[in-house]
């Protein structure tokens, strides 16, 4: 069971990162003075809200193909 959870997390993080870039971070311009803080906040956002970003990104991708 632990192995399956590990595999699920390893699949979830990159997918959620892609979705967050597509949904949120591609729509804004960021000037970063502390990259560690920026990526830390981004990782926390991705980890917590990825389940929202993933379906939205998939819908956006499907709608943009038409």
N, C-alpha and C. Protein backbone atom coordinates (compact mmCIF):
# COMPACT_ATOMS: atom_id res chain seq x y z
N UNK A 1 0.82 -1.20 0.00
CA UNK A 1 0.00 0.00 0.00
C UNK A 1 0.86 1.26 0.00
N UNK A 2 1.96 1.24 0.76
CA UNK A 2 2.84 2.40 0.79
C UNK A 2 3.50 2.65 -0.56
N UNK A 3 3.81 1.58 -1.25
CA UNK A 3 4.42 1.70 -2.57
C UNK A 3 3.46 2.35 -3.56
N UNK A 4 2.20 1.96 -3.51
CA UNK A 4 1.19 2.52 -4.39
C UNK A 4 0.97 4.01 -4.09
N UNK A 5 0.98 4.37 -2.83
CA UNK A 5 0.84 5.78 -2.44
C UNK A 5 2.03 6.59 -2.94
N UNK A 6 3.21 6.04 -2.84
CA UNK A 6 4.41 6.72 -3.33
C UNK A 6 4.36 6.95 -4.83
N UNK A 7 3.90 5.94 -5.55
CA UNK A 7 3.77 6.08 -7.01
C UNK A 7 2.72 7.13 -7.35
N UNK A 8 1.62 7.14 -6.60
CA UNK A 8 0.57 8.13 -6.85
C UNK A 8 1.07 9.55 -6.60
N UNK A 9 1.84 9.74 -5.55
CA UNK A 9 2.40 11.07 -5.26
C UNK A 9 3.40 11.46 -6.32
N UNK A 10 4.23 10.52 -6.78
CA UNK A 10 5.19 10.83 -7.83
C UNK A 10 4.52 11.16 -9.16
N UNK A 11 3.34 10.66 -9.39
CA UNK A 11 2.59 11.02 -10.60
C UNK A 11 1.82 12.32 -10.40
N UNK A 12 1.35 12.56 -9.19
CA UNK A 12 0.53 13.73 -8.89
C UNK A 12 1.34 15.03 -8.95
N UNK A 13 2.52 15.05 -8.38
CA UNK A 13 3.31 16.28 -8.29
C UNK A 13 3.65 16.85 -9.67
N UNK A 14 4.23 16.09 -10.61
CA UNK A 14 4.51 16.69 -11.92
C UNK A 14 3.26 17.09 -12.69
N UNK A 15 2.21 16.29 -12.56
CA UNK A 15 0.96 16.63 -13.25
C UNK A 15 0.36 17.90 -12.67
N UNK A 16 0.37 18.04 -11.37
CA UNK A 16 -0.16 19.24 -10.73
C UNK A 16 0.72 20.45 -11.04
N UNK A 17 2.04 20.25 -11.13
CA UNK A 17 2.97 21.34 -11.46
C UNK A 17 2.67 21.85 -12.88
N UNK A 18 2.49 20.92 -13.83
CA UNK A 18 2.14 21.30 -15.20
C UNK A 18 0.81 22.05 -15.23
N UNK A 19 -0.16 21.55 -14.48
CA UNK A 19 -1.48 22.18 -14.47
C UNK A 19 -1.44 23.56 -13.85
N UNK A 20 -0.69 23.73 -12.79
CA UNK A 20 -0.58 25.04 -12.15
C UNK A 20 0.11 26.03 -13.09
N UNK A 21 1.12 25.59 -13.81
CA UNK A 21 1.77 26.46 -14.79
C UNK A 21 0.80 26.86 -15.89
N UNK A 22 -0.03 25.95 -16.30
CA UNK A 22 -1.00 26.21 -17.38
C UNK A 22 -2.13 27.12 -16.92
N UNK A 23 -2.63 26.89 -15.71
CA UNK A 23 -3.81 27.60 -15.22
C UNK A 23 -3.46 28.93 -14.57
N UNK A 24 -2.49 28.93 -13.68
CA UNK A 24 -2.24 30.11 -12.86
C UNK A 24 -1.01 30.90 -13.28
N UNK A 25 0.13 30.24 -13.36
CA UNK A 25 1.39 30.95 -13.53
C UNK A 25 1.63 31.45 -14.95
N UNK A 26 0.92 30.95 -15.93
CA UNK A 26 1.10 31.45 -17.29
C UNK A 26 0.33 32.74 -17.53
N UNK A 27 -0.57 33.09 -16.63
CA UNK A 27 -1.42 34.27 -16.80
C UNK A 27 -0.85 35.52 -16.14
N UNK A 28 0.26 35.39 -15.42
CA UNK A 28 0.82 36.51 -14.68
C UNK A 28 2.31 36.64 -14.96
N UNK A 29 2.84 37.82 -14.71
CA UNK A 29 4.27 38.04 -14.77
C UNK A 29 4.78 38.21 -13.35
N UNK A 30 5.82 37.50 -13.01
CA UNK A 30 6.36 37.53 -11.66
C UNK A 30 7.78 38.07 -11.67
N UNK A 31 8.05 39.01 -10.80
CA UNK A 31 9.40 39.49 -10.56
C UNK A 31 9.82 38.91 -9.22
N UNK A 32 10.80 38.04 -9.24
CA UNK A 32 11.16 37.28 -8.06
C UNK A 32 12.49 37.79 -7.51
N UNK A 33 12.49 38.13 -6.23
CA UNK A 33 13.74 38.52 -5.57
C UNK A 33 14.30 37.37 -4.74
N UNK A 34 13.43 36.49 -4.28
CA UNK A 34 13.87 35.32 -3.50
C UNK A 34 13.29 34.08 -4.16
N UNK A 35 14.10 33.43 -4.97
CA UNK A 35 13.59 32.30 -5.74
C UNK A 35 13.22 31.11 -4.85
N UNK A 36 13.92 30.93 -3.75
CA UNK A 36 13.59 29.81 -2.86
C UNK A 36 12.20 30.00 -2.27
N UNK A 37 11.88 31.22 -1.86
CA UNK A 37 10.54 31.49 -1.31
C UNK A 37 9.47 31.34 -2.39
N UNK A 38 9.77 31.82 -3.60
CA UNK A 38 8.81 31.72 -4.69
C UNK A 38 8.49 30.26 -5.01
N UNK A 39 9.54 29.44 -5.18
CA UNK A 39 9.31 28.04 -5.51
C UNK A 39 8.74 27.25 -4.33
N UNK A 40 9.06 27.66 -3.12
CA UNK A 40 8.45 27.03 -1.95
C UNK A 40 6.96 27.27 -1.90
N UNK A 41 6.57 28.52 -2.14
CA UNK A 41 5.13 28.85 -2.17
C UNK A 41 4.45 28.17 -3.35
N UNK A 42 5.15 28.11 -4.49
CA UNK A 42 4.57 27.46 -5.65
C UNK A 42 4.37 25.97 -5.39
N UNK A 43 5.36 25.32 -4.76
CA UNK A 43 5.22 23.90 -4.46
C UNK A 43 4.07 23.67 -3.48
N UNK A 44 3.94 24.53 -2.48
CA UNK A 44 2.84 24.38 -1.53
C UNK A 44 1.49 24.56 -2.22
N UNK A 45 1.41 25.53 -3.12
CA UNK A 45 0.18 25.75 -3.88
C UNK A 45 -0.14 24.55 -4.75
N UNK A 46 0.87 24.05 -5.43
CA UNK A 46 0.69 22.90 -6.31
C UNK A 46 0.25 21.69 -5.51
N UNK A 47 0.89 21.44 -4.37
CA UNK A 47 0.57 20.27 -3.58
C UNK A 47 -0.84 20.34 -3.00
N UNK A 48 -1.26 21.54 -2.57
CA UNK A 48 -2.57 21.68 -1.95
C UNK A 48 -3.71 21.84 -2.96
N UNK A 49 -3.46 22.55 -4.05
CA UNK A 49 -4.53 22.88 -4.99
C UNK A 49 -4.41 22.17 -6.33
N UNK A 50 -3.51 21.22 -6.44
CA UNK A 50 -3.34 20.50 -7.69
C UNK A 50 -4.60 19.78 -8.12
N UNK A 51 -5.36 19.29 -7.18
CA UNK A 51 -6.59 18.56 -7.51
C UNK A 51 -7.62 19.49 -8.16
N UNK A 52 -7.48 20.79 -7.98
CA UNK A 52 -8.34 21.76 -8.66
C UNK A 52 -7.73 22.14 -10.02
N UNK A 53 -6.42 22.34 -10.04
CA UNK A 53 -5.74 22.79 -11.25
C UNK A 53 -5.76 21.75 -12.36
N UNK A 54 -5.64 20.48 -12.03
CA UNK A 54 -5.53 19.43 -13.05
C UNK A 54 -6.76 19.37 -13.95
N UNK A 55 -7.99 19.30 -13.41
CA UNK A 55 -9.15 19.25 -14.33
C UNK A 55 -9.32 20.54 -15.13
N UNK A 56 -9.01 21.68 -14.52
CA UNK A 56 -9.14 22.96 -15.25
C UNK A 56 -8.15 23.00 -16.41
N UNK A 57 -6.92 22.57 -16.19
CA UNK A 57 -5.91 22.57 -17.25
C UNK A 57 -6.29 21.62 -18.37
N UNK A 58 -6.85 20.48 -18.03
CA UNK A 58 -7.28 19.53 -19.07
C UNK A 58 -8.42 20.13 -19.89
N UNK A 59 -9.37 20.77 -19.23
CA UNK A 59 -10.47 21.42 -19.95
C UNK A 59 -9.96 22.53 -20.84
N UNK A 60 -9.03 23.35 -20.34
CA UNK A 60 -8.44 24.41 -21.16
C UNK A 60 -7.73 23.84 -22.37
N UNK A 61 -7.01 22.76 -22.18
CA UNK A 61 -6.28 22.15 -23.29
C UNK A 61 -7.24 21.62 -24.34
N UNK A 62 -8.32 20.99 -23.93
CA UNK A 62 -9.31 20.47 -24.87
C UNK A 62 -10.01 21.61 -25.61
N UNK A 63 -10.36 22.67 -24.89
CA UNK A 63 -11.07 23.80 -25.51
C UNK A 63 -10.18 24.57 -26.47
N UNK A 64 -8.87 24.65 -26.21
CA UNK A 64 -7.96 25.37 -27.09
C UNK A 64 -7.68 24.62 -28.39
N UNK A 65 -7.91 23.32 -28.42
CA UNK A 65 -7.69 22.55 -29.64
C UNK A 65 -8.78 22.80 -30.67
N UNK A 66 -9.92 23.27 -30.23
CA UNK A 66 -11.04 23.49 -31.15
C UNK A 66 -10.95 24.82 -31.82
